[in-house]
N, C-alpha and C. Protein backbone atom coordinates (compact mmCIF):
# COMPACT_ATOMS: atom_id res chain seq x y z
N MET A 1 0.82 -1.20 0.00
CA MET A 1 0.00 0.00 0.00
C MET A 1 0.86 1.26 0.00
N ALA A 2 1.99 1.23 0.71
CA ALA A 2 2.86 2.40 0.78
C ALA A 2 3.43 2.74 -0.59
N TYR A 3 3.64 1.70 -1.43
CA TYR A 3 4.20 1.96 -2.74
C TYR A 3 3.21 2.67 -3.66
N TRP A 4 1.94 2.26 -3.61
CA TRP A 4 0.93 2.94 -4.42
C TRP A 4 0.78 4.38 -3.98
N HIS A 5 0.83 4.60 -2.68
CA HIS A 5 0.76 5.96 -2.15
C HIS A 5 1.97 6.78 -2.63
N ALA A 6 3.16 6.17 -2.59
CA ALA A 6 4.38 6.85 -3.05
C ALA A 6 4.31 7.18 -4.53
N ILE A 7 3.79 6.24 -5.33
CA ILE A 7 3.67 6.48 -6.77
C ILE A 7 2.71 7.63 -7.05
N ALA A 8 1.56 7.62 -6.37
CA ALA A 8 0.56 8.68 -6.58
C ALA A 8 1.10 10.03 -6.13
N LEU A 9 1.74 10.06 -4.97
CA LEU A 9 2.27 11.31 -4.45
C LEU A 9 3.40 11.85 -5.32
N ALA A 10 4.31 10.97 -5.75
CA ALA A 10 5.40 11.39 -6.63
C ALA A 10 4.86 11.92 -7.95
N GLY A 11 3.84 11.26 -8.49
CA GLY A 11 3.23 11.74 -9.73
C GLY A 11 2.58 13.11 -9.55
N ALA A 12 1.91 13.31 -8.42
CA ALA A 12 1.26 14.60 -8.16
C ALA A 12 2.30 15.71 -7.99
N VAL A 13 3.37 15.44 -7.25
CA VAL A 13 4.42 16.46 -7.06
C VAL A 13 5.11 16.75 -8.39
N PHE A 14 5.36 15.71 -9.18
CA PHE A 14 5.97 15.92 -10.50
C PHE A 14 5.08 16.80 -11.37
N ALA A 15 3.78 16.50 -11.40
CA ALA A 15 2.86 17.29 -12.22
C ALA A 15 2.83 18.75 -11.76
N ALA A 16 2.84 18.95 -10.45
CA ALA A 16 2.76 20.32 -9.92
C ALA A 16 4.03 21.12 -10.19
N THR A 17 5.17 20.46 -10.20
CA THR A 17 6.43 21.19 -10.35
C THR A 17 6.98 21.18 -11.77
N SER A 18 6.40 20.43 -12.69
CA SER A 18 7.01 20.26 -14.01
C SER A 18 6.23 20.88 -15.16
N ILE A 19 5.20 21.63 -14.87
CA ILE A 19 4.47 22.31 -15.94
C ILE A 19 5.40 23.29 -16.65
N ASP A 20 6.17 24.05 -15.90
CA ASP A 20 7.11 24.99 -16.51
C ASP A 20 8.19 24.25 -17.30
N ASP A 21 8.64 23.10 -16.81
CA ASP A 21 9.63 22.32 -17.55
C ASP A 21 9.09 21.88 -18.91
N PHE A 22 7.83 21.47 -18.94
CA PHE A 22 7.21 21.06 -20.20
C PHE A 22 7.20 22.21 -21.20
N VAL A 23 6.83 23.41 -20.74
CA VAL A 23 6.80 24.57 -21.62
C VAL A 23 8.21 24.89 -22.13
N PHE A 24 9.21 24.82 -21.24
CA PHE A 24 10.58 25.06 -21.67
C PHE A 24 11.03 24.05 -22.72
N VAL A 25 10.72 22.77 -22.52
CA VAL A 25 11.14 21.74 -23.47
C VAL A 25 10.48 21.99 -24.83
N VAL A 26 9.19 22.29 -24.84
CA VAL A 26 8.50 22.56 -26.11
C VAL A 26 9.10 23.77 -26.81
N CYS A 27 9.33 24.85 -26.07
CA CYS A 27 9.90 26.06 -26.67
C CYS A 27 11.30 25.81 -27.22
N LEU A 28 12.13 25.13 -26.46
CA LEU A 28 13.49 24.86 -26.94
C LEU A 28 13.49 23.90 -28.11
N LEU A 29 12.60 22.90 -28.10
CA LEU A 29 12.53 21.98 -29.23
C LEU A 29 12.04 22.68 -30.49
N SER A 30 11.19 23.69 -30.35
CA SER A 30 10.69 24.40 -31.53
C SER A 30 11.80 25.15 -32.25
N GLY A 31 12.86 25.50 -31.54
CA GLY A 31 13.98 26.18 -32.17
C GLY A 31 15.18 25.29 -32.39
N ALA A 32 15.01 23.99 -32.20
CA ALA A 32 16.14 23.07 -32.31
C ALA A 32 16.52 22.76 -33.73
N GLY A 33 15.70 23.12 -34.69
CA GLY A 33 16.05 22.93 -36.08
C GLY A 33 16.35 21.50 -36.47
N GLY A 34 15.54 20.57 -36.02
CA GLY A 34 15.74 19.17 -36.36
C GLY A 34 16.80 18.47 -35.53
N ARG A 35 17.29 19.13 -34.49
CA ARG A 35 18.29 18.52 -33.60
C ARG A 35 17.75 18.48 -32.18
N PRO A 36 16.84 17.56 -31.87
CA PRO A 36 16.23 17.53 -30.54
C PRO A 36 17.13 16.91 -29.46
N ALA A 37 18.17 16.19 -29.86
CA ALA A 37 18.99 15.46 -28.87
C ALA A 37 19.58 16.34 -27.78
N PRO A 38 20.17 17.51 -28.10
CA PRO A 38 20.73 18.32 -27.01
C PRO A 38 19.67 18.77 -26.00
N VAL A 39 18.49 19.11 -26.48
CA VAL A 39 17.42 19.57 -25.59
C VAL A 39 16.96 18.43 -24.69
N ILE A 40 16.71 17.27 -25.26
CA ILE A 40 16.20 16.13 -24.49
C ILE A 40 17.26 15.61 -23.52
N LEU A 41 18.51 15.52 -23.97
CA LEU A 41 19.57 15.06 -23.07
C LEU A 41 19.78 16.04 -21.92
N ALA A 42 19.71 17.33 -22.21
CA ALA A 42 19.87 18.32 -21.14
C ALA A 42 18.74 18.20 -20.13
N LYS A 43 17.52 17.99 -20.59
CA LYS A 43 16.39 17.85 -19.67
C LYS A 43 16.51 16.58 -18.82
N LEU A 44 16.89 15.47 -19.42
CA LEU A 44 17.00 14.22 -18.67
C LEU A 44 18.15 14.27 -17.66
N LEU A 45 19.28 14.86 -18.05
CA LEU A 45 20.39 15.01 -17.11
C LEU A 45 20.00 15.94 -15.97
N ASN A 46 19.29 17.00 -16.30
CA ASN A 46 18.82 17.92 -15.27
C ASN A 46 17.88 17.23 -14.30
N ALA A 47 16.98 16.40 -14.81
CA ALA A 47 16.05 15.67 -13.94
C ALA A 47 16.81 14.75 -12.99
N LEU A 48 17.83 14.08 -13.51
CA LEU A 48 18.64 13.20 -12.68
C LEU A 48 19.35 13.97 -11.57
N LEU A 49 19.93 15.11 -11.92
CA LEU A 49 20.62 15.92 -10.92
C LEU A 49 19.67 16.52 -9.89
N VAL A 50 18.50 16.96 -10.34
CA VAL A 50 17.52 17.53 -9.42
C VAL A 50 17.07 16.49 -8.40
N VAL A 51 16.79 15.28 -8.87
CA VAL A 51 16.36 14.21 -7.97
C VAL A 51 17.48 13.85 -7.00
N ALA A 52 18.72 13.79 -7.49
CA ALA A 52 19.86 13.45 -6.62
C ALA A 52 20.07 14.51 -5.55
N ILE A 53 20.00 15.78 -5.94
CA ILE A 53 20.18 16.86 -4.97
C ILE A 53 19.05 16.85 -3.95
N ALA A 54 17.83 16.65 -4.40
CA ALA A 54 16.68 16.62 -3.48
C ALA A 54 16.80 15.45 -2.51
N ALA A 55 17.24 14.30 -3.00
CA ALA A 55 17.40 13.14 -2.12
C ALA A 55 18.49 13.39 -1.09
N LEU A 56 19.59 14.01 -1.51
CA LEU A 56 20.66 14.34 -0.57
C LEU A 56 20.19 15.33 0.48
N LEU A 57 19.44 16.34 0.04
CA LEU A 57 18.89 17.31 1.01
C LEU A 57 17.95 16.63 1.99
N ALA A 58 17.10 15.75 1.48
CA ALA A 58 16.14 15.08 2.35
C ALA A 58 16.83 14.14 3.33
N LEU A 59 17.87 13.47 2.88
CA LEU A 59 18.57 12.53 3.75
C LEU A 59 19.52 13.25 4.71
N GLY A 60 20.19 14.30 4.21
CA GLY A 60 21.19 14.98 5.03
C GLY A 60 20.63 16.05 5.93
N VAL A 61 19.80 16.89 5.40
CA VAL A 61 19.28 18.02 6.16
C VAL A 61 18.05 17.60 6.95
N GLY A 62 17.23 16.77 6.39
CA GLY A 62 16.03 16.31 7.08
C GLY A 62 14.82 17.17 6.87
N ARG A 63 14.98 18.32 6.22
CA ARG A 63 13.84 19.15 5.89
C ARG A 63 14.18 20.02 4.68
N PRO A 64 13.20 20.37 3.89
CA PRO A 64 13.47 21.17 2.70
C PRO A 64 13.77 22.62 3.06
N VAL A 65 14.27 23.36 2.07
CA VAL A 65 14.55 24.78 2.25
C VAL A 65 13.25 25.50 2.54
N GLY A 66 13.27 26.37 3.51
CA GLY A 66 12.06 27.09 3.91
C GLY A 66 11.87 28.38 3.16
N GLY A 67 11.16 29.33 3.77
CA GLY A 67 10.84 30.60 3.14
C GLY A 67 12.06 31.41 2.75
N SER A 68 13.17 31.26 3.47
CA SER A 68 14.38 32.01 3.12
C SER A 68 14.99 31.52 1.82
N GLY A 69 14.52 30.40 1.31
CA GLY A 69 15.04 29.88 0.05
C GLY A 69 14.39 30.49 -1.16
N GLY A 70 13.48 31.45 -0.97
CA GLY A 70 12.79 32.07 -2.10
C GLY A 70 13.72 32.74 -3.08
N LEU A 71 14.69 33.48 -2.55
CA LEU A 71 15.66 34.13 -3.42
C LEU A 71 16.54 33.09 -4.10
N LEU A 72 16.84 32.01 -3.40
CA LEU A 72 17.64 30.94 -3.98
C LEU A 72 16.91 30.29 -5.16
N THR A 73 15.61 30.05 -5.02
CA THR A 73 14.87 29.41 -6.11
C THR A 73 14.51 30.37 -7.23
N ALA A 74 14.41 31.67 -6.93
CA ALA A 74 14.00 32.63 -7.95
C ALA A 74 15.18 33.31 -8.63
N GLY A 75 16.27 33.52 -7.89
CA GLY A 75 17.39 34.29 -8.40
C GLY A 75 17.98 33.81 -9.71
N PRO A 76 18.37 32.53 -9.82
CA PRO A 76 18.97 32.08 -11.08
C PRO A 76 18.05 32.22 -12.29
N ALA A 77 16.76 31.94 -12.11
CA ALA A 77 15.83 32.07 -13.23
C ALA A 77 15.71 33.53 -13.66
N LEU A 78 15.62 34.44 -12.69
CA LEU A 78 15.54 35.86 -13.02
C LEU A 78 16.80 36.35 -13.72
N VAL A 79 17.95 36.02 -13.18
CA VAL A 79 19.21 36.49 -13.74
C VAL A 79 19.41 35.94 -15.16
N LEU A 80 19.23 34.64 -15.34
CA LEU A 80 19.41 34.05 -16.66
C LEU A 80 18.38 34.58 -17.65
N GLY A 81 17.14 34.76 -17.20
CA GLY A 81 16.10 35.30 -18.07
C GLY A 81 16.42 36.72 -18.53
N ILE A 82 16.85 37.56 -17.61
CA ILE A 82 17.20 38.95 -17.96
C ILE A 82 18.41 38.97 -18.88
N PHE A 83 19.41 38.13 -18.59
CA PHE A 83 20.61 38.08 -19.43
C PHE A 83 20.27 37.63 -20.85
N ARG A 84 19.47 36.57 -20.96
CA ARG A 84 19.12 36.06 -22.29
C ARG A 84 18.23 37.05 -23.06
N LEU A 85 17.36 37.75 -22.36
CA LEU A 85 16.52 38.75 -23.00
C LEU A 85 17.37 39.91 -23.51
N ALA A 86 18.31 40.38 -22.69
CA ALA A 86 19.19 41.48 -23.11
C ALA A 86 20.06 41.06 -24.29
N THR A 87 20.57 39.83 -24.26
CA THR A 87 21.38 39.33 -25.37
C THR A 87 20.58 39.24 -26.65
N ALA A 88 19.35 38.76 -26.55
CA ALA A 88 18.49 38.65 -27.74
C ALA A 88 18.15 40.02 -28.31
N MET A 89 17.88 40.98 -27.42
CA MET A 89 17.56 42.33 -27.89
C MET A 89 18.78 42.98 -28.54
N ALA A 90 19.96 42.78 -27.97
CA ALA A 90 21.17 43.34 -28.56
C ALA A 90 21.45 42.72 -29.92
N ALA A 91 21.24 41.42 -30.05
CA ALA A 91 21.47 40.75 -31.33
C ALA A 91 20.47 41.22 -32.37
N ARG A 92 19.23 41.45 -31.93
CA ARG A 92 18.20 41.90 -32.86
C ARG A 92 18.52 43.29 -33.39
N ARG A 93 19.06 44.15 -32.55
CA ARG A 93 19.40 45.51 -32.96
C ARG A 93 20.72 45.57 -33.72
N GLY A 94 21.49 44.49 -33.65
CA GLY A 94 22.79 44.49 -34.31
C GLY A 94 23.80 45.31 -33.54
N ALA A 95 23.61 45.45 -32.22
CA ALA A 95 24.48 46.28 -31.41
C ALA A 95 25.89 45.75 -31.34
N ASP A 96 26.07 44.46 -31.48
CA ASP A 96 27.42 43.91 -31.38
C ASP A 96 28.11 43.87 -32.74
N GLY A 97 27.40 44.21 -33.82
CA GLY A 97 28.02 44.34 -35.13
C GLY A 97 28.33 43.05 -35.86
N ARG A 98 27.90 41.92 -35.32
CA ARG A 98 28.16 40.65 -36.02
C ARG A 98 26.86 39.89 -36.18
N ALA A 99 26.80 39.09 -37.22
CA ALA A 99 25.60 38.31 -37.48
C ALA A 99 25.52 37.15 -36.50
N VAL A 100 24.34 36.86 -36.02
CA VAL A 100 24.13 35.76 -35.10
C VAL A 100 23.54 34.60 -35.88
N PRO A 101 24.12 33.40 -35.83
CA PRO A 101 23.53 32.26 -36.52
C PRO A 101 22.12 32.00 -35.99
N PRO A 102 21.18 31.61 -36.85
CA PRO A 102 19.78 31.57 -36.46
C PRO A 102 19.43 30.57 -35.36
N GLN A 103 20.21 29.49 -35.15
CA GLN A 103 19.76 28.48 -34.20
C GLN A 103 20.74 28.23 -33.06
N THR A 104 21.69 29.12 -32.83
CA THR A 104 22.66 28.86 -31.77
C THR A 104 22.06 29.00 -30.39
N ALA A 105 21.00 29.78 -30.22
CA ALA A 105 20.47 30.04 -28.89
C ALA A 105 19.90 28.80 -28.24
N SER A 106 19.31 27.91 -29.02
CA SER A 106 18.63 26.79 -28.39
C SER A 106 19.26 25.43 -28.68
N GLN A 107 20.20 25.35 -29.62
CA GLN A 107 20.73 24.04 -29.99
C GLN A 107 21.81 23.55 -29.05
N SER A 108 22.48 24.42 -28.37
CA SER A 108 23.59 24.02 -27.53
C SER A 108 23.11 23.27 -26.29
N PHE A 109 23.76 22.14 -26.01
CA PHE A 109 23.45 21.38 -24.81
C PHE A 109 23.65 22.24 -23.57
N ARG A 110 24.73 23.00 -23.55
CA ARG A 110 25.03 23.86 -22.39
C ARG A 110 23.95 24.90 -22.17
N ASN A 111 23.51 25.55 -23.23
CA ASN A 111 22.46 26.56 -23.10
C ASN A 111 21.16 25.93 -22.60
N CYS A 112 20.81 24.78 -23.14
CA CYS A 112 19.58 24.10 -22.69
C CYS A 112 19.69 23.68 -21.23
N PHE A 113 20.86 23.15 -20.86
CA PHE A 113 21.04 22.70 -19.48
C PHE A 113 20.95 23.88 -18.51
N LEU A 114 21.52 25.03 -18.88
CA LEU A 114 21.43 26.22 -18.02
C LEU A 114 19.98 26.65 -17.84
N VAL A 115 19.19 26.61 -18.89
CA VAL A 115 17.78 26.98 -18.78
C VAL A 115 17.06 26.04 -17.83
N PHE A 116 17.27 24.73 -18.00
CA PHE A 116 16.59 23.76 -17.14
C PHE A 116 17.08 23.87 -15.69
N ALA A 117 18.38 24.11 -15.50
CA ALA A 117 18.91 24.22 -14.14
C ALA A 117 18.33 25.45 -13.43
N ALA A 118 18.27 26.56 -14.13
CA ALA A 118 17.72 27.77 -13.52
C ALA A 118 16.24 27.62 -13.19
N GLY A 119 15.54 26.88 -14.02
CA GLY A 119 14.10 26.71 -13.79
C GLY A 119 13.73 25.56 -12.89
N SER A 120 14.71 24.79 -12.42
CA SER A 120 14.40 23.58 -11.65
C SER A 120 14.68 23.67 -10.16
N LEU A 121 15.11 24.81 -9.68
CA LEU A 121 15.41 24.89 -8.25
C LEU A 121 14.15 24.74 -7.40
N ASP A 122 13.02 25.18 -7.92
CA ASP A 122 11.77 24.96 -7.18
C ASP A 122 11.42 23.48 -7.15
N ASN A 123 11.83 22.73 -8.19
CA ASN A 123 11.61 21.28 -8.19
C ASN A 123 12.42 20.60 -7.08
N VAL A 124 13.63 21.09 -6.85
CA VAL A 124 14.47 20.53 -5.79
C VAL A 124 13.75 20.65 -4.45
N VAL A 125 13.18 21.82 -4.20
CA VAL A 125 12.47 22.05 -2.93
C VAL A 125 11.26 21.12 -2.82
N GLY A 126 10.50 20.98 -3.89
CA GLY A 126 9.33 20.11 -3.87
C GLY A 126 9.69 18.65 -3.68
N TYR A 127 10.72 18.20 -4.39
CA TYR A 127 11.11 16.79 -4.27
C TYR A 127 11.75 16.50 -2.90
N ALA A 128 12.50 17.47 -2.36
CA ALA A 128 13.09 17.26 -1.03
C ALA A 128 12.00 17.09 0.01
N ALA A 129 10.93 17.88 -0.11
CA ALA A 129 9.80 17.73 0.81
C ALA A 129 9.14 16.37 0.63
N LEU A 130 9.05 15.90 -0.60
CA LEU A 130 8.47 14.58 -0.88
C LEU A 130 9.32 13.46 -0.28
N PHE A 131 10.64 13.59 -0.41
CA PHE A 131 11.54 12.53 0.02
C PHE A 131 11.77 12.50 1.53
N CYS A 132 11.50 13.61 2.20
CA CYS A 132 11.78 13.72 3.64
C CYS A 132 11.08 12.61 4.43
N GLY A 133 11.85 11.91 5.21
CA GLY A 133 11.29 10.89 6.09
C GLY A 133 10.86 9.61 5.40
N SER A 134 11.14 9.48 4.11
CA SER A 134 10.75 8.26 3.40
C SER A 134 11.77 7.16 3.65
N ALA A 135 11.28 5.95 3.78
CA ALA A 135 12.18 4.79 3.87
C ALA A 135 12.85 4.59 2.52
N ALA A 136 14.00 3.93 2.52
CA ALA A 136 14.79 3.77 1.29
C ALA A 136 13.99 3.14 0.14
N PRO A 137 13.19 2.08 0.36
CA PRO A 137 12.44 1.51 -0.76
C PRO A 137 11.39 2.48 -1.32
N VAL A 138 10.73 3.22 -0.44
CA VAL A 138 9.73 4.20 -0.89
C VAL A 138 10.41 5.34 -1.62
N LEU A 139 11.57 5.76 -1.14
CA LEU A 139 12.34 6.81 -1.81
C LEU A 139 12.75 6.35 -3.20
N ALA A 140 13.18 5.11 -3.32
CA ALA A 140 13.59 4.57 -4.63
C ALA A 140 12.41 4.54 -5.60
N VAL A 141 11.23 4.17 -5.12
CA VAL A 141 10.04 4.16 -5.97
C VAL A 141 9.71 5.59 -6.43
N SER A 142 9.77 6.54 -5.50
CA SER A 142 9.48 7.94 -5.85
C SER A 142 10.47 8.46 -6.88
N VAL A 143 11.75 8.16 -6.71
CA VAL A 143 12.78 8.59 -7.66
C VAL A 143 12.51 7.96 -9.03
N GLY A 144 12.18 6.68 -9.05
CA GLY A 144 11.88 6.01 -10.31
C GLY A 144 10.69 6.62 -11.03
N VAL A 145 9.65 6.95 -10.27
CA VAL A 145 8.47 7.57 -10.87
C VAL A 145 8.83 8.92 -11.47
N ILE A 146 9.58 9.73 -10.75
CA ILE A 146 9.93 11.07 -11.23
C ILE A 146 10.80 10.98 -12.48
N LEU A 147 11.79 10.10 -12.48
CA LEU A 147 12.66 9.96 -13.66
C LEU A 147 11.89 9.39 -14.85
N GLY A 148 11.00 8.42 -14.59
CA GLY A 148 10.17 7.88 -15.67
C GLY A 148 9.25 8.93 -16.27
N LEU A 149 8.64 9.73 -15.40
CA LEU A 149 7.76 10.79 -15.88
C LEU A 149 8.54 11.89 -16.61
N SER A 150 9.79 12.09 -16.25
CA SER A 150 10.63 13.05 -16.99
C SER A 150 10.85 12.59 -18.42
N ALA A 151 11.06 11.30 -18.60
CA ALA A 151 11.21 10.76 -19.96
C ALA A 151 9.90 10.89 -20.74
N VAL A 152 8.77 10.65 -20.08
CA VAL A 152 7.47 10.80 -20.73
C VAL A 152 7.24 12.26 -21.09
N LEU A 153 7.62 13.18 -20.20
CA LEU A 153 7.49 14.62 -20.47
C LEU A 153 8.26 14.99 -21.74
N CYS A 154 9.49 14.48 -21.88
CA CYS A 154 10.28 14.77 -23.08
C CYS A 154 9.62 14.21 -24.34
N ALA A 155 9.09 13.01 -24.25
CA ALA A 155 8.44 12.39 -25.41
C ALA A 155 7.20 13.18 -25.83
N VAL A 156 6.38 13.57 -24.85
CA VAL A 156 5.16 14.34 -25.17
C VAL A 156 5.54 15.72 -25.71
N ALA A 157 6.54 16.36 -25.12
CA ALA A 157 6.97 17.67 -25.60
C ALA A 157 7.50 17.58 -27.03
N TYR A 158 8.24 16.51 -27.34
CA TYR A 158 8.74 16.31 -28.70
C TYR A 158 7.57 16.14 -29.67
N ARG A 159 6.58 15.39 -29.23
CA ARG A 159 5.39 15.18 -30.08
C ARG A 159 4.67 16.49 -30.34
N VAL A 160 4.53 17.30 -29.29
CA VAL A 160 3.87 18.60 -29.45
C VAL A 160 4.69 19.51 -30.35
N ALA A 161 6.00 19.53 -30.16
CA ALA A 161 6.85 20.43 -30.95
C ALA A 161 6.93 20.02 -32.41
N THR A 162 6.67 18.76 -32.72
CA THR A 162 6.74 18.30 -34.11
C THR A 162 5.36 18.05 -34.69
N ALA A 163 4.32 18.46 -33.99
CA ALA A 163 2.95 18.25 -34.47
C ALA A 163 2.73 19.01 -35.78
N ARG A 164 1.82 18.51 -36.58
CA ARG A 164 1.57 19.12 -37.88
C ARG A 164 0.25 19.88 -37.91
N SER A 165 -0.13 20.46 -36.79
CA SER A 165 -1.37 21.24 -36.79
C SER A 165 -1.10 22.64 -37.33
N PRO A 166 -2.09 23.26 -37.98
CA PRO A 166 -1.88 24.60 -38.52
C PRO A 166 -1.56 25.63 -37.44
N LEU A 167 -2.16 25.49 -36.28
CA LEU A 167 -1.91 26.44 -35.19
C LEU A 167 -0.45 26.38 -34.76
N PHE A 168 0.09 25.16 -34.57
CA PHE A 168 1.46 25.07 -34.10
C PHE A 168 2.46 25.42 -35.19
N ARG A 169 2.12 25.19 -36.44
CA ARG A 169 3.04 25.58 -37.51
C ARG A 169 3.27 27.09 -37.49
N ARG A 170 2.21 27.84 -37.20
CA ARG A 170 2.39 29.29 -37.07
C ARG A 170 3.31 29.59 -35.89
N GLY A 171 3.08 28.90 -34.78
CA GLY A 171 3.92 29.10 -33.60
C GLY A 171 5.36 28.73 -33.86
N GLN A 172 5.58 27.67 -34.65
CA GLN A 172 6.94 27.25 -34.94
C GLN A 172 7.63 28.29 -35.81
N ALA A 173 6.88 28.91 -36.71
CA ALA A 173 7.46 29.95 -37.54
C ALA A 173 7.86 31.16 -36.69
N TRP A 174 7.18 31.34 -35.58
CA TRP A 174 7.52 32.44 -34.68
C TRP A 174 8.72 32.13 -33.81
N ARG A 175 9.24 30.90 -33.88
CA ARG A 175 10.38 30.49 -33.06
C ARG A 175 10.05 30.65 -31.58
N LEU A 176 9.36 29.68 -31.05
CA LEU A 176 8.94 29.71 -29.65
C LEU A 176 10.11 29.75 -28.68
N ASP A 177 11.32 29.38 -29.13
CA ASP A 177 12.46 29.43 -28.23
C ASP A 177 12.78 30.87 -27.82
N GLY A 178 12.27 31.84 -28.56
CA GLY A 178 12.45 33.24 -28.18
C GLY A 178 11.67 33.62 -26.92
N LEU A 179 10.71 32.80 -26.55
CA LEU A 179 9.93 33.06 -25.33
C LEU A 179 10.65 32.63 -24.06
N VAL A 180 11.71 31.84 -24.18
CA VAL A 180 12.38 31.27 -23.00
C VAL A 180 12.84 32.35 -22.01
N PRO A 181 13.48 33.46 -22.44
CA PRO A 181 13.88 34.46 -21.44
C PRO A 181 12.70 35.02 -20.66
N CYS A 182 11.60 35.29 -21.34
CA CYS A 182 10.41 35.82 -20.65
C CYS A 182 9.83 34.79 -19.69
N LEU A 183 9.84 33.52 -20.11
CA LEU A 183 9.34 32.46 -19.23
C LEU A 183 10.21 32.31 -17.99
N LEU A 184 11.53 32.45 -18.15
CA LEU A 184 12.42 32.38 -16.99
C LEU A 184 12.15 33.52 -16.02
N ILE A 185 11.95 34.72 -16.55
CA ILE A 185 11.67 35.86 -15.68
C ILE A 185 10.35 35.65 -14.95
N CYS A 186 9.32 35.19 -15.65
CA CYS A 186 8.03 34.91 -15.00
C CYS A 186 8.15 33.83 -13.94
N LEU A 187 8.95 32.79 -14.22
CA LEU A 187 9.15 31.73 -13.23
C LEU A 187 9.84 32.27 -11.99
N GLY A 188 10.85 33.11 -12.18
CA GLY A 188 11.54 33.70 -11.04
C GLY A 188 10.61 34.57 -10.19
N ILE A 189 9.78 35.35 -10.85
CA ILE A 189 8.82 36.19 -10.11
C ILE A 189 7.81 35.32 -9.37
N ARG A 190 7.34 34.25 -10.03
CA ARG A 190 6.40 33.34 -9.36
C ARG A 190 7.02 32.70 -8.14
N ASN A 191 8.29 32.28 -8.24
CA ASN A 191 8.96 31.65 -7.10
C ASN A 191 9.16 32.65 -5.96
N LEU A 192 9.47 33.89 -6.29
CA LEU A 192 9.60 34.90 -5.23
C LEU A 192 8.25 35.13 -4.53
N ALA A 193 7.21 35.25 -5.35
CA ALA A 193 5.87 35.47 -4.76
C ALA A 193 5.45 34.29 -3.89
N ALA A 194 5.73 33.07 -4.36
CA ALA A 194 5.34 31.90 -3.58
C ALA A 194 6.11 31.81 -2.26
N ALA A 195 7.35 32.28 -2.26
CA ALA A 195 8.18 32.18 -1.06
C ALA A 195 7.86 33.26 -0.03
N TYR A 196 7.47 34.43 -0.49
CA TYR A 196 7.34 35.56 0.44
C TYR A 196 5.93 36.07 0.63
N LEU A 197 4.97 35.55 -0.12
CA LEU A 197 3.59 36.04 0.06
C LEU A 197 2.75 35.01 0.77
């Protein structure tokens, strides 16, 4: 019975904390130009690291980061979002005087991993709370559920990003990866509000 409870709870926490991850994966895949591997690998590696950090926090500290962690969970997303927005605006204006290749912003594994890392600190807090006080077998089941659902998230996001609907084709022409800086800023503001309000 404890395992079914762990599976349901892990699935609920994953769903609550991974909506933003799904949007990031779809946006980055829309600008991947037929190269989805860096985006998907970055997301899966990020999920593995997030779960490992959360498990270590739950086992070592015994409780998740509290209200003082709001700046910790919001800061990287805000900083990276503002930096990427400023870089995109400068490139659009031609302020740096050099041409920018059309798909460098989203194809790089490093760039994708930075986006996922900045947006996943709230996931660490949620998973650490989930893992706190769990016995090792229940913790292992929860970790397995979260990693399995991360793979499913990538598969569904890939399907959405490569869909052949007229609505999404227009969105793909708009290069949805350009929304990532704004999404990071919104995520950072949401995390600050959740921590301090």
